[in-house]
Amino acid sequence: FKRCMRVFDNDKRFSPCFDDEQTMYLEADAVVLSIGQTVEWGSLLEGETIELTRGNLACADSQTYQTAQPDIFVGGDVYTGPRFVINAIAAGHEAAVSLHRFVQKGSSLTIGRNQRHYVELDKSDAALESCGYDHAGRQRPTCDTVKNIRHNWTDPSHTFTPEQIRIETARCLKCGASIVDANKCIGCGLCTTRCEFDAIHLFRDNPHCSDMVAAEHKAGKILSYVGKRAVKIIKNPARKTKTPKPQSHVTTDELGNPVPAGSTGISS
């Protein structure tokens, strides 16, 4: 790294100037180039119907990243201009979803997609106190007053004090607890293999009747469960023996009409 002496020249044009005498070396496993320069399309778009903005950027849908030419999708700096790498990665993910849907005949590019339409909460019209909402503010470290901070390599910020650490850790920051809908979980166990911290485990509610066993051992498993089930039914206090109701007999003739008592007919 070289120390940057200036970013713009006297005419307010982008013209960074560096000091080759003041450098810094840092070890890294990978380096991602994100220089944020303008787009040079060359002959790439010849014969295409893609529209460009005044900044030579491609016009596309903000949700699907589809251009005026339906089979071309864009993202990253060619669509937004200079941004962070993570923005380009996010656009790549969304564009990949659009591409997958585009090649599936009859699929919609927008149904089921996150609209990312956020509305700011009106705190003055929300009863936060009555619902026990944690309104502890975000703690910020203190900073020293430094003159000419733009040309100073000293970090003026301090760390949290013990009291700030206690308040910050007590805030509700989303613990990551996940509630599984038993009607949707199929018990595939994929989440247990994907969790890098081995924090997810699956347990059966009735392991004695859902474990998979070899065919030659199934009789023992079934009989042991049948015995436990029978004992549970017998001990159930809600189980009562019902007295059968006496059956009534009606005498009818050959056509099914009722016959007075004492007459000859068919008993049913």
C-alpha atoms as a PDB file:
ATOM      1  CA  PHE A   1       0.000   0.000   0.000  1.00  0.00           C
ATOM      2  CA  LYS A   2       1.124   3.526  -0.779  1.00  0.00           C
ATOM      3  CA  ARG A   3       0.078   6.575   1.145  1.00  0.00           C
ATOM      4  CA  CYS A   4      -2.398   8.661  -0.839  1.00  0.00           C
ATOM      5  CA  MET A   5      -1.475  12.346  -0.851  1.00  0.00           C
ATOM      6  CA  ARG A   6      -4.508  13.557  -2.777  1.00  0.00           C
ATOM      7  CA  VAL A   7      -7.477  12.223  -4.719  1.00  0.00           C
ATOM      8  CA  PHE A   8      -8.490  15.208  -6.855  1.00  0.00           C
ATOM      9  CA  ASP A   9      -6.387  17.840  -8.563  1.00  0.00           C
ATOM     10  CA  ASN A  10      -6.884  21.597  -8.405  1.00  0.00           C
ATOM     11  CA  ASP A  11      -9.568  21.389 -11.089  1.00  0.00           C
ATOM     12  CA  LYS A  12     -11.569  18.886  -8.966  1.00  0.00           C
ATOM     13  CA  ARG A  13     -10.822  16.090 -11.376  1.00  0.00           C
ATOM     14  CA  PHE A  14     -10.037  12.567 -10.206  1.00  0.00           C
ATOM     15  CA  SER A  15      -6.240  12.434 -10.177  1.00  0.00           C
ATOM     16  CA  PRO A  16      -4.850  10.496  -7.189  1.00  0.00           C
ATOM     17  CA  CYS A  17      -1.274  11.152  -6.115  1.00  0.00           C
ATOM     18  CA  PHE A  18       0.737   8.680  -3.998  1.00  0.00           C
ATOM     19  CA  ASP A  19       3.900   8.869  -1.921  1.00  0.00           C
ATOM     20  CA  ASP A  20       6.260   6.070  -2.974  1.00  0.00           C
ATOM     21  CA  GLU A  21       8.377   6.608   0.132  1.00  0.00           C
ATOM     22  CA  GLN A  22       5.613   5.663   2.586  1.00  0.00           C
ATOM     23  CA  THR A  23       4.478   2.106   1.897  1.00  0.00           C
ATOM     24  CA  MET A  24       2.961  -0.774   3.835  1.00  0.00           C
ATOM     25  CA  TYR A  25       2.945  -4.534   3.140  1.00  0.00           C
ATOM     26  CA  LEU A  26       0.163  -6.889   4.237  1.00  0.00           C
ATOM     27  CA  GLU A  27      -0.074 -10.649   3.723  1.00  0.00           C
ATOM     28  CA  ALA A  28      -3.250 -11.949   2.088  1.00  0.00           C
ATOM     29  CA  ASP A  29      -4.553 -15.284   0.823  1.00  0.00           C
ATOM     30  CA  ALA A  30      -6.355 -13.651  -2.101  1.00  0.00           C
ATOM     31  CA  VAL A  31      -6.559 -10.225  -3.696  1.00  0.00           C
ATOM     32  CA  VAL A  32      -9.700  -8.984  -5.447  1.00  0.00           C
ATOM     33  CA  LEU A  33      -9.145  -6.143  -7.895  1.00  0.00           C
ATOM     34  CA  SER A  34     -11.858  -3.505  -7.527  1.00  0.00           C
ATOM     35  CA  ILE A  35     -10.443  -0.412  -9.193  1.00  0.00           C
ATOM     36  CA  GLY A  36     -13.797   1.183 -10.037  1.00  0.00           C
ATOM     37  CA  GLN A  37     -12.972   2.521 -13.487  1.00  0.00           C
ATOM     38  CA  THR A  38     -15.366   3.246 -16.363  1.00  0.00           C
ATOM     39  CA  VAL A  39     -16.777   0.539 -18.623  1.00  0.00           C
ATOM     40  CA  GLU A  40     -15.265  -0.004 -22.059  1.00  0.00           C
ATOM     41  CA  TRP A  41     -17.692  -2.140 -24.059  1.00  0.00           C
ATOM     42  CA  GLY A  42     -15.746  -2.223 -27.308  1.00  0.00           C
ATOM     43  CA  SER A  43     -17.549  -4.337 -29.900  1.00  0.00           C
ATOM     44  CA  LEU A  44     -19.249  -6.536 -27.304  1.00  0.00           C
ATOM     45  CA  LEU A  45     -22.698  -4.989 -27.797  1.00  0.00           C
ATOM     46  CA  GLU A  46     -22.654  -4.698 -31.583  1.00  0.00           C
ATOM     47  CA  GLY A  47     -25.953  -5.916 -33.006  1.00  0.00           C
ATOM     48  CA  GLU A  48     -27.563  -6.026 -29.551  1.00  0.00           C
ATOM     49  CA  THR A  49     -30.513  -3.970 -28.290  1.00  0.00           C
ATOM     50  CA  ILE A  50     -29.086  -3.172 -24.855  1.00  0.00           C
ATOM     51  CA  GLU A  51     -29.691   0.417 -23.778  1.00  0.00           C
ATOM     52  CA  LEU A  52     -26.923   2.448 -22.121  1.00  0.00           C
ATOM     53  CA  THR A  53     -27.107   5.360 -19.708  1.00  0.00           C
ATOM     54  CA  ARG A  54     -25.171   8.613 -19.941  1.00  0.00           C
ATOM     55  CA  GLY A  55     -22.437   7.021 -17.857  1.00  0.00           C
ATOM     56  CA  ASN A  56     -22.079   4.192 -20.397  1.00  0.00           C
ATOM     57  CA  LEU A  57     -23.762   1.756 -17.991  1.00  0.00           C
ATOM     58  CA  ALA A  58     -26.240  -0.912 -19.051  1.00  0.00           C
ATOM     59  CA  CYS A  59     -29.936  -0.372 -18.346  1.00  0.00           C
ATOM     60  CA  ALA A  60     -31.642  -3.333 -16.674  1.00  0.00           C
ATOM     61  CA  ASP A  61     -34.494  -4.238 -14.365  1.00  0.00           C
ATOM     62  CA  SER A  62     -33.561  -3.531 -10.758  1.00  0.00           C
ATOM     63  CA  GLN A  63     -34.969  -6.867  -9.560  1.00  0.00           C
ATOM     64  CA  THR A  64     -34.269  -9.365 -12.341  1.00  0.00           C
ATOM     65  CA  TYR A  65     -31.244  -7.610 -13.934  1.00  0.00           C
ATOM     66  CA  GLN A  66     -32.736  -8.322 -17.366  1.00  0.00           C
ATOM     67  CA  THR A  67     -31.808  -5.858 -20.117  1.00  0.00           C
ATOM     68  CA  ALA A  68     -33.851  -4.678 -23.092  1.00  0.00           C
ATOM     69  CA  GLN A  69     -32.618  -7.796 -24.866  1.00  0.00           C
ATOM     70  CA  PRO A  70     -34.449 -10.573 -22.970  1.00  0.00           C
ATOM     71  CA  ASP A  71     -31.633 -13.133 -23.056  1.00  0.00           C
ATOM     72  CA  ILE A  72     -28.951 -10.800 -21.646  1.00  0.00           C
ATOM     73  CA  PHE A  73     -28.621 -10.065 -17.926  1.00  0.00           C
ATOM     74  CA  VAL A  74     -26.099  -7.704 -16.336  1.00  0.00           C
ATOM     75  CA  GLY A  75     -24.842  -6.901 -12.853  1.00  0.00           C
ATOM     76  CA  GLY A  76     -21.946  -5.386 -10.992  1.00  0.00           C
ATOM     77  CA  ASP A  77     -20.086  -2.258 -12.068  1.00  0.00           C
ATOM     78  CA  VAL A  78     -21.469  -2.382 -15.628  1.00  0.00           C
ATOM     79  CA  TYR A  79     -24.928  -1.818 -14.134  1.00  0.00           C
ATOM     80  CA  THR A  80     -24.428   0.193 -10.932  1.00  0.00           C
ATOM     81  CA  GLY A  81     -21.079   1.838 -11.557  1.00  0.00           C
ATOM     82  CA  PRO A  82     -18.267   1.633  -8.982  1.00  0.00           C
ATOM     83  CA  ARG A  83     -19.569  -0.238  -5.933  1.00  0.00           C
ATOM     84  CA  PHE A  84     -18.287  -2.729  -3.379  1.00  0.00           C
ATOM     85  CA  VAL A  85     -17.396  -6.292  -4.362  1.00  0.00           C
ATOM     86  CA  ILE A  86     -20.215  -7.689  -2.219  1.00  0.00           C
ATOM     87  CA  ASN A  87     -22.746  -5.706  -4.267  1.00  0.00           C
ATOM     88  CA  ALA A  88     -21.473  -7.316  -7.456  1.00  0.00           C
ATOM     89  CA  ILE A  89     -21.636 -10.777  -5.842  1.00  0.00           C
ATOM     90  CA  ALA A  90     -25.228 -10.171  -4.722  1.00  0.00           C
ATOM     91  CA  ALA A  91     -26.188  -9.042  -8.227  1.00  0.00           C
ATOM     92  CA  GLY A  92     -24.575 -12.176  -9.632  1.00  0.00           C
ATOM     93  CA  HIS A  93     -26.695 -14.378  -7.371  1.00  0.00           C
ATOM     94  CA  GLU A  94     -29.920 -12.637  -8.377  1.00  0.00           C
ATOM     95  CA  ALA A  95     -29.000 -12.659 -12.066  1.00  0.00           C
ATOM     96  CA  ALA A  96     -28.267 -16.398 -11.828  1.00  0.00           C
ATOM     97  CA  VAL A  97     -31.773 -16.983 -10.465  1.00  0.00           C
ATOM     98  CA  SER A  98     -33.202 -14.958 -13.350  1.00  0.00           C
ATOM     99  CA  LEU A  99     -31.136 -16.900 -15.886  1.00  0.00           C
ATOM    100  CA  HIS A 100     -32.325 -20.217 -14.458  1.00  0.00           C
ATOM    101  CA  ARG A 101     -35.943 -19.108 -14.664  1.00  0.00           C
ATOM    102  CA  PHE A 102     -35.490 -17.650 -18.141  1.00  0.00           C
ATOM    103  CA  VAL A 103     -34.437 -20.989 -19.645  1.00  0.00           C
ATOM    104  CA  GLN A 104     -37.379 -22.758 -17.968  1.00  0.00           C
ATOM    105  CA  LYS A 105     -40.247 -22.310 -20.394  1.00  0.00           C
ATOM    106  CA  GLY A 106     -43.272 -20.691 -18.761  1.00  0.00           C
ATOM    107  CA  SER A 107     -41.423 -19.590 -15.606  1.00  0.00           C
ATOM    108  CA  SER A 108     -41.859 -16.075 -14.230  1.00  0.00           C
ATOM    109  CA  LEU A 109     -38.822 -13.934 -13.442  1.00  0.00           C
ATOM    110  CA  THR A 110     -40.583 -12.082 -10.627  1.00  0.00           C
ATOM    111  CA  ILE A 111     -42.967 -14.441  -8.798  1.00  0.00           C
ATOM    112  CA  GLY A 112     -41.631 -15.355  -5.374  1.00  0.00           C
ATOM    113  CA  ARG A 113     -38.710 -12.929  -5.539  1.00  0.00           C
ATOM    114  CA  ASN A 114     -37.851 -10.641  -2.647  1.00  0.00           C
ATOM    115  CA  GLN A 115     -39.108  -7.188  -3.619  1.00  0.00           C
ATOM    116  CA  ARG A 116     -36.736  -5.551  -1.104  1.00  0.00           C
ATOM    117  CA  HIS A 117     -39.308  -2.865  -0.415  1.00  0.00           C
ATOM    118  CA  TYR A 118     -38.564  -1.562   3.057  1.00  0.00           C
ATOM    119  CA  VAL A 119     -40.686   0.936   4.964  1.00  0.00           C
ATOM    120  CA  GLU A 120     -39.179   2.864   7.838  1.00  0.00           C
ATOM    121  CA  LEU A 121     -40.830   2.226  11.194  1.00  0.00           C
ATOM    122  CA  ASP A 122     -42.556   5.243  12.690  1.00  0.00           C
ATOM    123  CA  LYS A 123     -41.253   4.949  16.248  1.00  0.00           C
ATOM    124  CA  SER A 124     -43.509   7.757  17.443  1.00  0.00           C
ATOM    125  CA  ASP A 125     -46.569   5.661  16.556  1.00  0.00           C
ATOM    126  CA  ALA A 126     -45.337   2.338  17.978  1.00  0.00           C
ATOM    127  CA  ALA A 127     -46.026   1.136  21.523  1.00  0.00           C
ATOM    128  CA  LEU A 128     -42.511  -0.154  22.101  1.00  0.00           C
ATOM    129  CA  GLU A 129     -42.613   0.163  25.872  1.00  0.00           C
ATOM    130  CA  SER A 130     -45.740  -1.948  26.360  1.00  0.00           C
ATOM    131  CA  CYS A 131     -44.431  -4.894  24.329  1.00  0.00           C
ATOM    132  CA  GLY A 132     -41.112  -5.081  26.142  1.00  0.00           C
ATOM    133  CA  TYR A 133     -39.055  -4.056  23.131  1.00  0.00           C
ATOM    134  CA  ASP A 134     -35.347  -3.700  23.846  1.00  0.00           C
ATOM    135  CA  HIS A 135     -34.618  -0.054  23.090  1.00  0.00           C
ATOM    136  CA  ALA A 136     -31.014  -0.002  24.275  1.00  0.00           C
ATOM    137  CA  GLY A 137     -29.021   2.164  21.897  1.00  0.00           C
ATOM    138  CA  ARG A 138     -25.969   1.050  19.981  1.00  0.00           C
ATOM    139  CA  GLN A 139     -22.772   1.679  21.877  1.00  0.00           C
ATOM    140  CA  ARG A 140     -20.043   3.603  20.089  1.00  0.00           C
ATOM    141  CA  PRO A 141     -16.387   3.842  21.097  1.00  0.00           C
ATOM    142  CA  THR A 142     -14.991   7.209  22.049  1.00  0.00           C
ATOM    143  CA  CYS A 143     -12.486   8.991  19.824  1.00  0.00           C
ATOM    144  CA  ASP A 144      -9.687  11.409  20.494  1.00  0.00           C
ATOM    145  CA  THR A 145      -9.717  14.810  18.868  1.00  0.00           C
ATOM    146  CA  VAL A 146      -7.029  14.767  16.190  1.00  0.00           C
ATOM    147  CA  LYS A 147      -6.026  17.742  14.125  1.00  0.00           C
ATOM    148  CA  ASN A 148      -5.714  17.225  10.388  1.00  0.00           C
ATOM    149  CA  ILE A 149      -7.136  13.700  10.664  1.00  0.00           C
ATOM    150  CA  ARG A 150      -6.994  13.146   6.892  1.00  0.00           C
ATOM    151  CA  HIS A 151      -3.204  13.210   6.926  1.00  0.00           C
ATOM    152  CA  ASN A 152      -2.737  11.360  10.199  1.00  0.00           C
ATOM    153  CA  TRP A 153      -1.999   7.643  10.380  1.00  0.00           C
ATOM    154  CA  THR A 154      -2.880   7.346  14.063  1.00  0.00           C
ATOM    155  CA  ASP A 155      -6.195   5.648  14.891  1.00  0.00           C
ATOM    156  CA  PRO A 156      -8.039   8.016  17.256  1.00  0.00           C
ATOM    157  CA  SER A 157     -10.797   5.538  18.182  1.00  0.00           C
ATOM    158  CA  HIS A 158     -10.855   3.667  21.487  1.00  0.00           C
ATOM    159  CA  THR A 159     -12.296   0.279  22.421  1.00  0.00           C
ATOM    160  CA  PHE A 160     -15.477  -0.277  24.414  1.00  0.00           C
ATOM    161  CA  THR A 161     -15.386   0.241  28.145  1.00  0.00           C
ATOM    162  CA  PRO A 162     -16.515  -2.678  30.372  1.00  0.00           C
ATOM    163  CA  GLU A 163     -19.868  -0.964  30.901  1.00  0.00           C
ATOM    164  CA  GLN A 164     -20.344  -0.441  27.158  1.00  0.00           C
ATOM    165  CA  ILE A 165     -19.527  -4.101  26.535  1.00  0.00           C
ATOM    166  CA  ARG A 166     -22.186  -5.161  29.057  1.00  0.00           C
ATOM    167  CA  ILE A 167     -24.831  -2.941  27.443  1.00  0.00           C
ATOM    168  CA  GLU A 168     -23.907  -3.925  23.877  1.00  0.00           C
ATOM    169  CA  THR A 169     -23.947  -7.663  24.584  1.00  0.00           C
ATOM    170  CA  ALA A 170     -27.319  -7.349  26.339  1.00  0.00           C
ATOM    171  CA  ARG A 171     -28.989  -5.882  23.257  1.00  0.00           C
ATOM    172  CA  CYS A 172     -31.313  -8.030  21.183  1.00  0.00           C
ATOM    173  CA  LEU A 173     -29.222  -8.534  18.040  1.00  0.00           C
ATOM    174  CA  LYS A 174     -31.001 -11.696  16.776  1.00  0.00           C
ATOM    175  CA  CYS A 175     -29.569 -14.784  18.413  1.00  0.00           C
ATOM    176  CA  GLY A 176     -30.074 -16.894  15.288  1.00  0.00           C
ATOM    177  CA  ALA A 177     -32.528 -19.309  16.916  1.00  0.00           C
ATOM    178  CA  SER A 178     -34.499 -21.153  14.245  1.00  0.00           C
ATOM    179  CA  ILE A 179     -38.002 -22.559  14.686  1.00  0.00           C
ATOM    180  CA  VAL A 180     -38.731 -25.467  12.347  1.00  0.00           C
ATOM    181  CA  ASP A 181     -42.228 -26.051  11.025  1.00  0.00           C
ATOM    182  CA  ALA A 182     -42.823 -29.756  11.599  1.00  0.00           C
ATOM    183  CA  ASN A 183     -45.328 -29.785   8.735  1.00  0.00           C
ATOM    184  CA  LYS A 184     -42.624 -28.697   6.270  1.00  0.00           C
ATOM    185  CA  CYS A 185     -39.518 -30.439   7.645  1.00  0.00           C
ATOM    186  CA  ILE A 186     -39.054 -33.795   5.899  1.00  0.00           C
ATOM    187  CA  GLY A 187     -36.256 -34.915   8.189  1.00  0.00           C
ATOM    188  CA  CYS A 188     -33.634 -35.138   5.433  1.00  0.00           C
ATOM    189  CA  GLY A 189     -30.901 -34.108   7.874  1.00  0.00           C
ATOM    190  CA  LEU A 190     -29.208 -31.786   5.383  1.00  0.00           C
ATOM    191  CA  CYS A 191     -29.085 -28.978   7.943  1.00  0.00           C
ATOM    192  CA  THR A 192     -27.071 -31.179  10.308  1.00  0.00           C
ATOM    193  CA  THR A 193     -24.374 -31.687   7.682  1.00  0.00           C
ATOM    194  CA  ARG A 194     -24.295 -28.058   6.537  1.00  0.00           C
ATOM    195  CA  CYS A 195     -23.872 -26.560  10.024  1.00  0.00           C
ATOM    196  CA  GLU A 196     -20.162 -25.856  10.476  1.00  0.00           C
ATOM    197  CA  PHE A 197     -20.502 -25.781  14.273  1.00  0.00           C
ATOM    198  CA  ASP A 198     -22.394 -29.087  14.708  1.00  0.00           C
ATOM    199  CA  ALA A 199     -25.158 -27.187  16.504  1.00  0.00           C
ATOM    200  CA  ILE A 200     -28.112 -28.904  14.788  1.00  0.00           C
ATOM    201  CA  HIS A 201     -29.265 -32.397  15.746  1.00  0.00           C
ATOM    202  CA  LEU A 202     -32.367 -34.377  14.805  1.00  0.00           C
ATOM    203  CA  PHE A 203     -34.259 -36.476  17.352  1.00  0.00           C
ATOM    204  CA  ARG A 204     -37.243 -38.741  16.738  1.00  0.00           C
ATOM    205  CA  ASP A 205     -40.360 -38.299  18.875  1.00  0.00           C
ATOM    206  CA  ASN A 206     -41.012 -42.051  18.786  1.00  0.00           C
ATOM    207  CA  PRO A 207     -37.700 -43.746  18.034  1.00  0.00           C
ATOM    208  CA  HIS A 208     -39.054 -47.213  18.817  1.00  0.00           C
ATOM    209  CA  CYS A 209     -41.492 -47.069  15.899  1.00  0.00           C
ATOM    210  CA  SER A 210     -39.469 -45.117  13.359  1.00  0.00           C
ATOM    211  CA  ASP A 211     -35.974 -46.618  13.453  1.00  0.00           C
ATOM    212  CA  MET A 212     -34.958 -48.573  10.371  1.00  0.00           C
ATOM    213  CA  VAL A 213     -33.865 -52.132  11.196  1.00  0.00           C
ATOM    214  CA  ALA A 214     -32.923 -55.158   9.169  1.00  0.00           C
ATOM    215  CA  ALA A 215     -35.769 -57.440   8.060  1.00  0.00           C
ATOM    216  CA  GLU A 216     -34.596 -60.361  10.205  1.00  0.00           C
ATOM    217  CA  HIS A 217     -34.794 -58.204  13.348  1.00  0.00           C
ATOM    218  CA  LYS A 218     -38.124 -56.479  12.716  1.00  0.00           C
ATOM    219  CA  ALA A 219     -40.184 -59.018  14.680  1.00  0.00           C
ATOM    220  CA  GLY A 220     -38.405 -58.243  17.938  1.00  0.00           C
ATOM    221  CA  LYS A 221     -38.760 -54.505  17.418  1.00  0.00           C
ATOM    222  CA  ILE A 222     -42.456 -54.751  16.593  1.00  0.00           C
ATOM    223  CA  LEU A 223     -43.291 -57.063  19.507  1.00  0.00           C
ATOM    224  CA  SER A 224     -41.493 -54.861  22.027  1.00  0.00           C
ATOM    225  CA  TYR A 225     -43.464 -51.863  20.839  1.00  0.00           C
ATOM    226  CA  VAL A 226     -46.759 -53.776  20.843  1.00  0.00           C
ATOM    227  CA  GLY A 227     -46.237 -54.719  24.493  1.00  0.00           C
ATOM    228  CA  LYS A 228     -45.499 -51.137  25.538  1.00  0.00           C
ATOM    229  CA  ARG A 229     -48.503 -49.894  23.589  1.00  0.00           C
ATOM    230  CA  ALA A 230     -50.837 -52.455  25.173  1.00  0.00           C
ATOM    231  CA  VAL A 231     -49.728 -51.542  28.702  1.00  0.00           C
ATOM    232  CA  LYS A 232     -50.221 -47.848  27.919  1.00  0.00           C
ATOM    233  CA  ILE A 233     -53.773 -48.462  26.684  1.00  0.00           C
ATOM    234  CA  ILE A 234     -54.686 -50.560  29.724  1.00  0.00           C
ATOM    235  CA  LYS A 235     -53.387 -47.932  32.154  1.00  0.00           C
ATOM    236  CA  ASN A 236     -55.198 -45.104  30.380  1.00  0.00           C
ATOM    237  CA  PRO A 237     -57.773 -43.785  32.912  1.00  0.00           C
ATOM    238  CA  ALA A 238     -59.901 -42.307  30.141  1.00  0.00           C
ATOM    239  CA  ARG A 239     -60.530 -45.752  28.692  1.00  0.00           C
ATOM    240  CA  LYS A 240     -63.881 -47.107  29.871  1.00  0.00           C
ATOM    241  CA  THR A 241     -65.735 -50.253  28.942  1.00  0.00           C
ATOM    242  CA  LYS A 242     -68.989 -49.344  27.264  1.00  0.00           C
ATOM    243  CA  THR A 243     -72.095 -51.458  27.965  1.00  0.00           C
ATOM    244  CA  PRO A 244     -73.659 -52.604  24.668  1.00  0.00           C
ATOM    245  CA  LYS A 245     -77.164 -51.318  24.070  1.00  0.00           C
ATOM    246  CA  PRO A 246     -79.940 -53.925  23.658  1.00  0.00           C
ATOM    247  CA  GLN A 247     -81.038 -54.391  20.073  1.00  0.00           C
ATOM    248  CA  SER A 248     -84.684 -53.772  19.213  1.00  0.00           C
ATOM    249  CA  HIS A 249     -86.601 -56.163  16.938  1.00  0.00           C
ATOM    250  CA  VAL A 250     -89.256 -55.025  14.487  1.00  0.00           C
ATOM    251  CA  THR A 251     -91.620 -57.470  12.776  1.00  0.00           C
ATOM    252  CA  THR A 252     -92.325 -56.769   9.100  1.00  0.00           C
ATOM    253  CA  ASP A 253     -94.248 -58.499   6.328  1.00  0.00           C
ATOM    254  CA  GLU A 254     -92.884 -59.613   2.956  1.00  0.00           C
ATOM    255  CA  LEU A 255     -93.080 -56.044   1.605  1.00  0.00           C
ATOM    256  CA  GLY A 256     -91.181 -54.570   4.571  1.00  0.00           C
ATOM    257  CA  ASN A 257     -94.221 -53.020   6.254  1.00  0.00           C
ATOM    258  CA  PRO A 258     -94.373 -53.223  10.080  1.00  0.00           C
ATOM    259  CA  VAL A 259     -96.744 -55.897  11.459  1.00  0.00           C
ATOM    260  CA  PRO A 260     -98.524 -55.588  14.828  1.00  0.00           C
ATOM    261  CA  ALA A 261     -97.193 -57.740  17.634  1.00  0.00           C
ATOM    262  CA  GLY A 262     -98.595 -61.256  17.650  1.00  0.00           C
ATOM    263  CA  SER A 263     -99.060 -61.370  13.839  1.00  0.00           C
ATOM    264  CA  THR A 264     -97.030 -63.568  11.480  1.00  0.00           C
ATOM    265  CA  GLY A 265     -94.236 -61.804   9.638  1.00  0.00           C
ATOM    266  CA  ILE A 266     -90.481 -61.586   9.077  1.00  0.00           C
ATOM    267  CA  SER A 267     -88.365 -60.587  12.074  1.00  0.00           C
ATOM    268  CA  SER A 268     -85.373 -58.307  11.419  1.00  0.00           C
END
